[in-house]
PDB file of all heavy atoms in Angstrom:
ATOM      1  N   PRO A   1      28.560  29.353  12.884  1.00  0.00           N
ATOM      2  CA  PRO A   1      27.802  30.056  11.830  1.00  0.00           C
ATOM      3  C   PRO A   1      26.952  29.130  11.010  1.00  0.00           C
ATOM      4  O   PRO A   1      27.223  27.916  11.030  1.00  0.00           O
ATOM      5  CB  PRO A   1      28.988  30.663  10.954  1.00  0.00           C
ATOM      6  CG  PRO A   1      30.159  29.746  11.221  1.00  0.00           C
ATOM      7  CD  PRO A   1      29.987  29.307  12.600  1.00  0.00           C
ATOM      8  N   THR A   2      26.010  29.662  10.348  1.00  0.00           N
ATOM      9  CA  THR A   2      25.150  28.879   9.478  1.00  0.00           C
ATOM     10  C   THR A   2      25.920  28.304   8.322  1.00  0.00           C
ATOM     11  O   THR A   2      26.772  28.987   7.736  1.00  0.00           O
ATOM     12  CB  THR A   2      23.975  29.757   8.946  1.00  0.00           C
ATOM     13  OG1 THR A   2      23.308  30.344  10.025  1.00  0.00           O
ATOM     14  CG2 THR A   2      23.052  28.966   8.084  1.00  0.00           C
ATOM     15  N   ALA A   3      25.685  27.017   7.965  1.00  0.00           N
ATOM     16  CA  ALA A   3      26.404  26.396   6.839  1.00  0.00           C
ATOM     17  C   ALA A   3      26.194  27.075   5.581  1.00  0.00           C
ATOM     18  O   ALA A   3      25.105  27.613   5.299  1.00  0.00           O
ATOM     19  CB  ALA A   3      25.949  24.946   6.711  1.00  0.00           C
ATOM     20  N   ALA A   4      27.271  27.232   4.827  1.00  0.00           N
ATOM     21  CA  ALA A   4      27.183  27.964   3.558  1.00  0.00           C
ATOM     22  C   ALA A   4      26.322  27.171   2.578  1.00  0.00           C
ATOM     23  O   ALA A   4      26.410  26.015   2.393  1.00  0.00           O
ATOM     24  CB  ALA A   4      28.590  28.164   2.994  1.00  0.00           C
ATOM     25  N   ALA A   5      25.518  27.903   1.792  1.00  0.00           N
ATOM     26  CA  ALA A   5      24.641  27.301   0.838  1.00  0.00           C
ATOM     27  C   ALA A   5      25.353  26.562  -0.282  1.00  0.00           C
ATOM     28  O   ALA A   5      24.909  25.544  -0.740  1.00  0.00           O
ATOM     29  CB  ALA A   5      23.750  28.357   0.203  1.00  0.00           C
ATOM     30  N   PRO A   6      26.556  26.985  -0.745  1.00  0.00           N
ATOM     31  CA  PRO A   6      27.218  26.278  -1.895  1.00  0.00           C
ATOM     32  C   PRO A   6      27.790  24.954  -1.490  1.00  0.00           C
ATOM     33  O   PRO A   6      28.357  24.288  -2.353  1.00  0.00           O
ATOM     34  CB  PRO A   6      28.344  27.253  -2.275  1.00  0.00           C
ATOM     35  CG  PRO A   6      27.975  28.595  -1.678  1.00  0.00           C
ATOM     36  CD  PRO A   6      27.275  28.262  -0.456  1.00  0.00           C
ATOM     37  N   ALA A   7      27.705  24.469  -0.256  1.00  0.00           N
ATOM     38  CA  ALA A   7      28.294  23.183   0.116  1.00  0.00           C
ATOM     39  C   ALA A   7      27.952  22.015  -0.759  1.00  0.00           C
ATOM     40  O   ALA A   7      28.848  21.207  -1.205  1.00  0.00           O
ATOM     41  CB  ALA A   7      28.013  22.898   1.560  1.00  0.00           C
ATOM     42  N   PRO A   8      26.744  21.792  -1.136  1.00  0.00           N
ATOM     43  CA  PRO A   8      26.381  20.693  -2.031  1.00  0.00           C
ATOM     44  C   PRO A   8      27.150  20.732  -3.339  1.00  0.00           C
ATOM     45  O   PRO A   8      27.534  19.702  -3.821  1.00  0.00           O
ATOM     46  CB  PRO A   8      24.903  20.820  -2.262  1.00  0.00           C
ATOM     47  CG  PRO A   8      24.395  21.588  -1.092  1.00  0.00           C
ATOM     48  CD  PRO A   8      25.502  22.519  -0.714  1.00  0.00           C
ATOM     49  N   VAL A   9      27.332  21.919  -3.863  1.00  0.00           N
ATOM     50  CA  VAL A   9      28.119  22.103  -5.144  1.00  0.00           C
ATOM     51  C   VAL A   9      29.507  21.635  -4.953  1.00  0.00           C
ATOM     52  O   VAL A   9      30.073  20.895  -5.723  1.00  0.00           O
ATOM     53  CB  VAL A   9      28.030  23.557  -5.584  1.00  0.00           C
ATOM     54  CG1 VAL A   9      28.918  23.657  -6.858  1.00  0.00           C
ATOM     55  CG2 VAL A   9      26.585  23.939  -5.910  1.00  0.00           C
ATOM     56  N   GLN A  10      30.128  21.976  -3.719  1.00  0.00           N
ATOM     57  CA  GLN A  10      31.455  21.570  -3.441  1.00  0.00           C
ATOM     58  C   GLN A  10      31.594  20.056  -3.428  1.00  0.00           C
ATOM     59  O   GLN A  10      32.549  19.469  -3.866  1.00  0.00           O
ATOM     60  CB  GLN A  10      31.927  22.192  -2.178  1.00  0.00           C
ATOM     61  CG  GLN A  10      33.406  21.919  -1.761  1.00  0.00           C
ATOM     62  CD  GLN A  10      34.395  22.418  -2.849  1.00  0.00           C
ATOM     63  OE1 GLN A  10      34.235  23.515  -3.312  1.00  0.00           O
ATOM     64  NE2 GLN A  10      35.328  21.597  -3.253  1.00  0.00           N
ATOM     65  N   VAL A  11      30.597  19.378  -2.823  1.00  0.00           N
ATOM     66  CA  VAL A  11      30.638  17.946  -2.778  1.00  0.00           C
ATOM     67  C   VAL A  11      30.597  17.353  -4.137  1.00  0.00           C
ATOM     68  O   VAL A  11      31.364  16.424  -4.420  1.00  0.00           O
ATOM     69  CB  VAL A  11      29.415  17.442  -1.905  1.00  0.00           C
ATOM     70  CG1 VAL A  11      29.283  15.924  -2.043  1.00  0.00           C
ATOM     71  CG2 VAL A  11      29.491  17.891  -0.466  1.00  0.00           C
ATOM     72  N   ALA A  12      29.800  17.919  -5.031  1.00  0.00           N
ATOM     73  CA  ALA A  12      29.739  17.367  -6.297  1.00  0.00           C
ATOM     74  C   ALA A  12      31.004  17.575  -7.089  1.00  0.00           C
ATOM     75  O   ALA A  12      31.519  16.683  -7.779  1.00  0.00           O
ATOM     76  CB  ALA A  12      28.578  18.110  -7.159  1.00  0.00           C
ATOM     77  N   VAL A  13      31.640  18.709  -6.903  1.00  0.00           N
ATOM     78  CA  VAL A  13      32.940  18.966  -7.559  1.00  0.00           C
ATOM     79  C   VAL A  13      34.023  18.020  -7.061  1.00  0.00           C
ATOM     80  O   VAL A  13      34.765  17.477  -7.758  1.00  0.00           O
ATOM     81  CB  VAL A  13      33.325  20.436  -7.299  1.00  0.00           C
ATOM     82  CG1 VAL A  13      34.771  20.691  -7.767  1.00  0.00           C
ATOM     83  CG2 VAL A  13      32.417  21.413  -8.058  1.00  0.00           C
ATOM     84  N   THR A  14      33.960  17.791  -5.656  1.00  0.00           N
ATOM     85  CA  THR A  14      34.978  16.899  -5.092  1.00  0.00           C
ATOM     86  C   THR A  14      34.804  15.455  -5.653  1.00  0.00           C
ATOM     87  O   THR A  14      35.750  14.759  -5.976  1.00  0.00           O
ATOM     88  CB  THR A  14      34.835  16.860  -3.563  1.00  0.00           C
ATOM     89  OG1 THR A  14      35.045  18.193  -3.129  1.00  0.00           O
ATOM     90  CG2 THR A  14      35.829  15.933  -2.911  1.00  0.00           C
ATOM     91  N   ALA A  15      33.557  15.034  -5.799  1.00  0.00           N
ATOM     92  CA  ALA A  15      33.230  13.659  -6.290  1.00  0.00           C
ATOM     93  C   ALA A  15      33.778  13.616  -7.734  1.00  0.00           C
ATOM     94  O   ALA A  15      34.328  12.544  -8.148  1.00  0.00           O
ATOM     95  CB  ALA A  15      31.762  13.374  -6.218  1.00  0.00           C
ATOM     96  N   ALA A  16      33.476  14.624  -8.510  1.00  0.00           N
ATOM     97  CA  ALA A  16      33.953  14.555  -9.934  1.00  0.00           C
ATOM     98  C   ALA A  16      35.495  14.595  -9.959  1.00  0.00           C
ATOM     99  O   ALA A  16      36.069  13.833 -10.761  1.00  0.00           O
ATOM    100  CB  ALA A  16      33.387  15.828 -10.658  1.00  0.00           C
ATOM    101  N   SER A  17      36.123  15.375  -9.091  1.00  0.00           N
ATOM    102  CA  SER A  17      37.594  15.397  -9.082  1.00  0.00           C
ATOM    103  C   SER A  17      38.182  14.064  -8.778  1.00  0.00           C
ATOM    104  O   SER A  17      39.282  13.688  -9.296  1.00  0.00           O
ATOM    105  CB  SER A  17      38.067  16.372  -8.063  1.00  0.00           C
ATOM    106  OG  SER A  17      37.622  17.693  -8.384  1.00  0.00           O
ATOM    107  N   ALA A  18      37.494  13.257  -7.950  1.00  0.00           N
ATOM    108  CA  ALA A  18      38.014  11.882  -7.619  1.00  0.00           C
ATOM    109  C   ALA A  18      38.042  11.043  -8.858  1.00  0.00           C
ATOM    110  O   ALA A  18      38.745  10.006  -8.862  1.00  0.00           O
ATOM    111  CB  ALA A  18      37.202  11.290  -6.531  1.00  0.00           C
ATOM    112  N   ARG A  19      37.262  11.368  -9.866  1.00  0.00           N
ATOM    113  CA  ARG A  19      37.201  10.526 -11.044  1.00  0.00           C
ATOM    114  C   ARG A  19      38.000  11.151 -12.217  1.00  0.00           C
ATOM    115  O   ARG A  19      37.834  10.683 -13.300  1.00  0.00           O
ATOM    116  CB  ARG A  19      35.763  10.310 -11.432  1.00  0.00           C
ATOM    117  CG  ARG A  19      34.935   9.545 -10.433  1.00  0.00           C
ATOM    118  CD  ARG A  19      33.651   9.090 -11.107  1.00  0.00           C
ATOM    119  NE  ARG A  19      32.819  10.165 -11.562  1.00  0.00           N
ATOM    120  CZ  ARG A  19      31.848  10.687 -10.865  1.00  0.00           C
ATOM    121  NH1 ARG A  19      31.604  10.260  -9.695  1.00  0.00           N
ATOM    122  NH2 ARG A  19      31.080  11.686 -11.369  1.00  0.00           N
ATOM    123  N   ASP A  20      38.756  12.202 -11.965  1.00  0.00           N
ATOM    124  CA  ASP A  20      39.491  12.826 -13.057  1.00  0.00           C
ATOM    125  C   ASP A  20      40.401  11.943 -13.798  1.00  0.00           C
ATOM    126  O   ASP A  20      40.654  12.134 -14.962  1.00  0.00           O
ATOM    127  CB  ASP A  20      40.230  14.083 -12.496  1.00  0.00           C
ATOM    128  CG  ASP A  20      39.326  15.232 -12.271  1.00  0.00           C
ATOM    129  OD1 ASP A  20      38.155  15.194 -12.650  1.00  0.00           O
ATOM    130  OD2 ASP A  20      39.791  16.204 -11.554  1.00  0.00           O
ATOM    131  N   GLY A  21      40.931  10.892 -13.131  1.00  0.00           N
ATOM    132  CA  GLY A  21      41.825   9.904 -13.794  1.00  0.00           C
ATOM    133  C   GLY A  21      41.120   9.077 -14.771  1.00  0.00           C
ATOM    134  O   GLY A  21      41.736   8.445 -15.644  1.00  0.00           O
ATOM    135  N   GLY A  22      39.762   9.107 -14.799  1.00  0.00           N
ATOM    136  CA  GLY A  22      39.027   8.265 -15.757  1.00  0.00           C
ATOM    137  C   GLY A  22      38.582   6.957 -15.160  1.00  0.00           C
ATOM    138  O   GLY A  22      39.250   6.348 -14.306  1.00  0.00           O
ATOM    139  N   THR A  23      37.434   6.494 -15.656  1.00  0.00           N
ATOM    140  CA  THR A  23      36.912   5.193 -15.092  1.00  0.00           C
ATOM    141  C   THR A  23      37.813   4.015 -15.378  1.00  0.00           C
ATOM    142  O   THR A  23      38.040   3.176 -14.529  1.00  0.00           O
ATOM    143  CB  THR A  23      35.454   4.957 -15.697  1.00  0.00           C
ATOM    144  OG1 THR A  23      34.663   6.113 -15.421  1.00  0.00           O
ATOM    145  CG2 THR A  23      34.842   3.739 -15.068  1.00  0.00           C
ATOM    146  N   VAL A  24      38.323   3.992 -16.615  1.00  0.00           N
ATOM    147  CA  VAL A  24      39.266   2.832 -16.921  1.00  0.00           C
ATOM    148  C   VAL A  24      40.440   2.822 -16.001  1.00  0.00           C
ATOM    149  O   VAL A  24      40.861   1.765 -15.540  1.00  0.00           O
ATOM    150  CB  VAL A  24      39.693   2.965 -18.467  1.00  0.00           C
ATOM    151  CG1 VAL A  24      40.754   1.855 -18.737  1.00  0.00           C
ATOM    152  CG2 VAL A  24      38.447   2.800 -19.336  1.00  0.00           C
ATOM    153  N   ASP A  25      41.069   3.970 -15.771  1.00  0.00           N
ATOM    154  CA  ASP A  25      42.193   3.987 -14.833  1.00  0.00           C
ATOM    155  C   ASP A  25      41.816   3.568 -13.461  1.00  0.00           C
ATOM    156  O   ASP A  25      42.605   2.841 -12.793  1.00  0.00           O
ATOM    157  CB  ASP A  25      42.758   5.400 -14.816  1.00  0.00           C
ATOM    158  CG  ASP A  25      43.405   5.819 -16.117  1.00  0.00           C
ATOM    159  OD1 ASP A  25      43.739   4.970 -16.903  1.00  0.00           O
ATOM    160  OD2 ASP A  25      43.542   7.077 -16.357  1.00  0.00           O
ATOM    161  N   ALA A  26      40.617   3.989 -12.983  1.00  0.00           N
ATOM    162  CA  ALA A  26      40.157   3.601 -11.673  1.00  0.00           C
ATOM    163  C   ALA A  26      39.950   2.047 -11.601  1.00  0.00           C
ATOM    164  O   ALA A  26      40.249   1.373 -10.620  1.00  0.00           O
ATOM    165  CB  ALA A  26      38.888   4.310 -11.352  1.00  0.00           C
ATOM    166  N   ILE A  27      39.359   1.475 -12.689  1.00  0.00           N
ATOM    167  CA  ILE A  27      39.129   0.037 -12.646  1.00  0.00           C
ATOM    168  C   ILE A  27      40.466  -0.705 -12.646  1.00  0.00           C
ATOM    169  O   ILE A  27      40.631  -1.696 -11.945  1.00  0.00           O
ATOM    170  CB  ILE A  27      38.366  -0.337 -13.994  1.00  0.00           C
ATOM    171  CG1 ILE A  27      36.942   0.270 -13.912  1.00  0.00           C
ATOM    172  CG2 ILE A  27      38.336  -1.784 -14.151  1.00  0.00           C
ATOM    173  CD1 ILE A  27      36.187   0.148 -15.216  1.00  0.00           C
ATOM    174  N   ARG A  28      41.431  -0.248 -13.395  1.00  0.00           N
ATOM    175  CA  ARG A  28      42.752  -0.856 -13.435  1.00  0.00           C
ATOM    176  C   ARG A  28      43.477  -0.760 -12.112  1.00  0.00           C
ATOM    177  O   ARG A  28      44.169  -1.695 -11.704  1.00  0.00           O
ATOM    178  CB  ARG A  28      43.564  -0.348 -14.555  1.00  0.00           C
ATOM    179  CG  ARG A  28      43.010  -0.809 -15.962  1.00  0.00           C
ATOM    180  CD  ARG A  28      43.706  -0.186 -17.152  1.00  0.00           C
ATOM    181  NE  ARG A  28      43.279  -0.773 -18.347  1.00  0.00           N
ATOM    182  CZ  ARG A  28      43.422  -0.269 -19.581  1.00  0.00           C
ATOM    183  NH1 ARG A  28      44.141   0.887 -19.741  1.00  0.00           N
ATOM    184  NH2 ARG A  28      43.015  -0.882 -20.632  1.00  0.00           N
ATOM    185  N   ARG A  29      43.386   0.433 -11.463  1.00  0.00           N
ATOM    186  CA  ARG A  29      44.030   0.535 -10.148  1.00  0.00           C
ATOM    187  C   ARG A  29      43.360  -0.443  -9.148  1.00  0.00           C
ATOM    188  O   ARG A  29      44.073  -1.042  -8.296  1.00  0.00           O
ATOM    189  CB  ARG A  29      43.902   1.956  -9.631  1.00  0.00           C
ATOM    190  CG  ARG A  29      44.798   2.960 -10.343  1.00  0.00           C
ATOM    191  CD  ARG A  29      44.913   4.239  -9.513  1.00  0.00           C
ATOM    192  NE  ARG A  29      43.588   4.863  -9.411  1.00  0.00           N
ATOM    193  CZ  ARG A  29      43.124   5.757 -10.281  1.00  0.00           C
ATOM    194  NH1 ARG A  29      43.785   6.121 -11.369  1.00  0.00           N
ATOM    195  NH2 ARG A  29      41.903   6.282 -10.033  1.00  0.00           N
ATOM    196  N   ARG A  30      42.046  -0.521  -9.215  1.00  0.00           N
ATOM    197  CA  ARG A  30      41.333  -1.446  -8.316  1.00  0.00           C
ATOM    198  C   ARG A  30      41.577  -2.927  -8.612  1.00  0.00           C
ATOM    199  O   ARG A  30      41.533  -3.815  -7.730  1.00  0.00           O
ATOM    200  CB  ARG A  30      39.865  -1.067  -8.400  1.00  0.00           C
ATOM    201  CG  ARG A  30      38.948  -1.724  -7.337  1.00  0.00           C
ATOM    202  CD  ARG A  30      37.500  -1.451  -7.702  1.00  0.00           C
ATOM    203  NE  ARG A  30      37.185  -0.080  -8.031  1.00  0.00           N
ATOM    204  CZ  ARG A  30      36.572   0.229  -9.142  1.00  0.00           C
ATOM    205  NH1 ARG A  30      36.047  -0.651  -9.977  1.00  0.00           N
ATOM    206  NH2 ARG A  30      36.297   1.594  -9.336  1.00  0.00           N
ATOM    207  N   GLY A  31      41.681  -3.162  -9.900  1.00  0.00           N
ATOM    208  CA  GLY A  31      41.894  -4.604 -10.342  1.00  0.00           C
ATOM    209  C   GLY A  31      40.593  -5.325 -10.577  1.00  0.00           C
ATOM    210  O   GLY A  31      40.620  -6.537 -10.877  1.00  0.00           O
ATOM    211  N   THR A  32      39.469  -4.643 -10.446  1.00  0.00           N
ATOM    212  CA  THR A  32      38.161  -5.293 -10.658  1.00  0.00           C
ATOM    213  C   THR A  32      37.195  -4.318 -11.347  1.00  0.00           C
ATOM    214  O   THR A  32      37.296  -3.071 -11.140  1.00  0.00           O
ATOM    215  CB  THR A  32      37.535  -5.795  -9.403  1.00  0.00           C
ATOM    216  OG1 THR A  32      37.340  -4.728  -8.443  1.00  0.00           O
ATOM    217  CG2 THR A  32      38.331  -6.934  -8.781  1.00  0.00           C
ATOM    218  N   LEU A  33      36.284  -4.792 -12.079  1.00  0.00           N
ATOM    219  CA  LEU A  33      35.137  -4.063 -12.703  1.00  0.00           C
ATOM    220  C   LEU A  33      33.992  -4.225 -11.814  1.00  0.00           C
ATOM    221  O   LEU A  33      33.550  -5.319 -11.479  1.00  0.00           O
ATOM    222  CB  LEU A  33      34.887  -4.541 -14.075  1.00  0.00           C
ATOM    223  CG  LEU A  33      33.546  -4.029 -14.773  1.00  0.00           C
ATOM    224  CD1 LEU A  33      33.729  -2.563 -15.106  1.00  0.00           C
ATOM    225  CD2 LEU A  33      33.193  -4.873 -15.938  1.00  0.00           C
ATOM    226  N   ARG A  34      33.380  -3.114 -11.316  1.00  0.00           N
ATOM    227  CA  ARG A  34      32.178  -3.159 -10.525  1.00  0.00           C
ATOM    228  C   ARG A  34      30.946  -3.029 -11.478  1.00  0.00           C
ATOM    229  O   ARG A  34      30.729  -1.987 -12.053  1.00  0.00           O
ATOM    230  CB  ARG A  34      32.144  -1.998  -9.546  1.00  0.00           C
ATOM    231  CG  ARG A  34      33.193  -2.183  -8.409  1.00  0.00           C
ATOM    232  CD  ARG A  34      33.257  -0.914  -7.555  1.00  0.00           C
ATOM    233  NE  ARG A  34      34.237  -0.998  -6.520  1.00  0.00           N
ATOM    234  CZ  ARG A  34      34.688   0.016  -5.780  1.00  0.00           C
ATOM    235  NH1 ARG A  34      34.217   1.223  -6.070  1.00  0.00           N
ATOM    236  NH2 ARG A  34      35.572  -0.160  -4.863  1.00  0.00           N
ATOM    237  N   CYS A  35      30.272  -4.121 -11.635  1.00  0.00           N
ATOM    238  CA  CYS A  35      29.203  -4.196 -12.656  1.00  0.00           C
ATOM    239  C   CYS A  35      27.841  -4.325 -11.974  1.00  0.00           C
ATOM    240  O   CYS A  35      27.610  -5.309 -11.231  1.00  0.00           O
ATOM    241  CB  CYS A  35      29.491  -5.404 -13.530  1.00  0.00           C
ATOM    242  SG  CYS A  35      28.726  -5.338 -15.192  1.00  0.00           S
ATOM    243  N   GLY A  36      26.985  -3.314 -12.185  1.00  0.00           N
ATOM    244  CA  GLY A  36      25.641  -3.327 -11.589  1.00  0.00           C
ATOM    245  C   GLY A  36      24.733  -4.127 -12.411  1.00  0.00           C
ATOM    246  O   GLY A  36      24.302  -3.766 -13.555  1.00  0.00           O
ATOM    247  N   VAL A  37      24.325  -5.349 -11.887  1.00  0.00           N
ATOM    248  CA  VAL A  37      23.525  -6.314 -12.691  1.00  0.00           C
ATOM    249  C   VAL A  37      22.037  -6.269 -12.317  1.00  0.00           C
ATOM    250  O   VAL A  37      21.269  -7.037 -12.779  1.00  0.00           O
ATOM    251  CB  VAL A  37      24.042  -7.747 -12.482  1.00  0.00           C
ATOM    252  CG1 VAL A  37      25.417  -7.883 -13.152  1.00  0.00           C
ATOM    253  CG2 VAL A  37      24.058  -8.136 -11.052  1.00  0.00           C
ATOM    254  N   GLY A  38      21.657  -5.256 -11.453  1.00  0.00           N
ATOM    255  CA  GLY A  38      20.304  -5.164 -11.022  1.00  0.00           C
ATOM    256  C   GLY A  38      20.027  -6.212  -9.914  1.00  0.00           C
ATOM    257  O   GLY A  38      21.011  -6.766  -9.268  1.00  0.00           O
ATOM    258  N   ALA A  39      18.790  -6.479  -9.689  1.00  0.00           N
ATOM    259  CA  ALA A  39      18.417  -7.528  -8.686  1.00  0.00           C
ATOM    260  C   ALA A  39      18.761  -8.900  -9.333  1.00  0.00           C
ATOM    261  O   ALA A  39      18.824  -9.145 -10.449  1.00  0.00           O
ATOM    262  CB  ALA A  39      16.919  -7.424  -8.423  1.00  0.00           C
ATOM    263  N   VAL A  40      19.065  -9.856  -8.369  1.00  0.00           N
ATOM    264  CA  VAL A  40      19.376 -11.194  -8.778  1.00  0.00           C
ATOM    265  C   VAL A  40      18.115 -11.698  -9.498  1.00  0.00           C
ATOM    266  O   VAL A  40      16.989 -11.643  -8.959  1.00  0.00           O
ATOM    267  CB  VAL A  40      19.728 -12.060  -7.624  1.00  0.00           C
ATOM    268  CG1 VAL A  40      19.831 -13.545  -8.089  1.00  0.00           C
ATOM    269  CG2 VAL A  40      21.048 -11.620  -7.013  1.00  0.00           C
ATOM    270  N   SER A  41      18.238 -12.176 -10.755  1.00  0.00           N
ATOM    271  CA  SER A  41      17.067 -12.554 -11.559  1.00  0.00           C
ATOM    272  C   SER A  41      17.500 -13.570 -12.591  1.00  0.00           C
ATOM    273  O   SER A  41      18.654 -14.060 -12.582  1.00  0.00           O
ATOM    274  CB  SER A  41      16.473 -11.330 -12.195  1.00  0.00           C
ATOM    275  OG  SER A  41      17.361 -10.784 -13.213  1.00  0.00           O
TER     276      SER A  41
END
């Protein structure tokens, strides 16, 4: 069957759900801060 139109919304909801624990909790579980510094400059 043809793919359902709401699929992109479901992806967004899933991504948000993965962060429900909060960024600080995710950083602490990982043990590192991912810091976007732009291009090397």
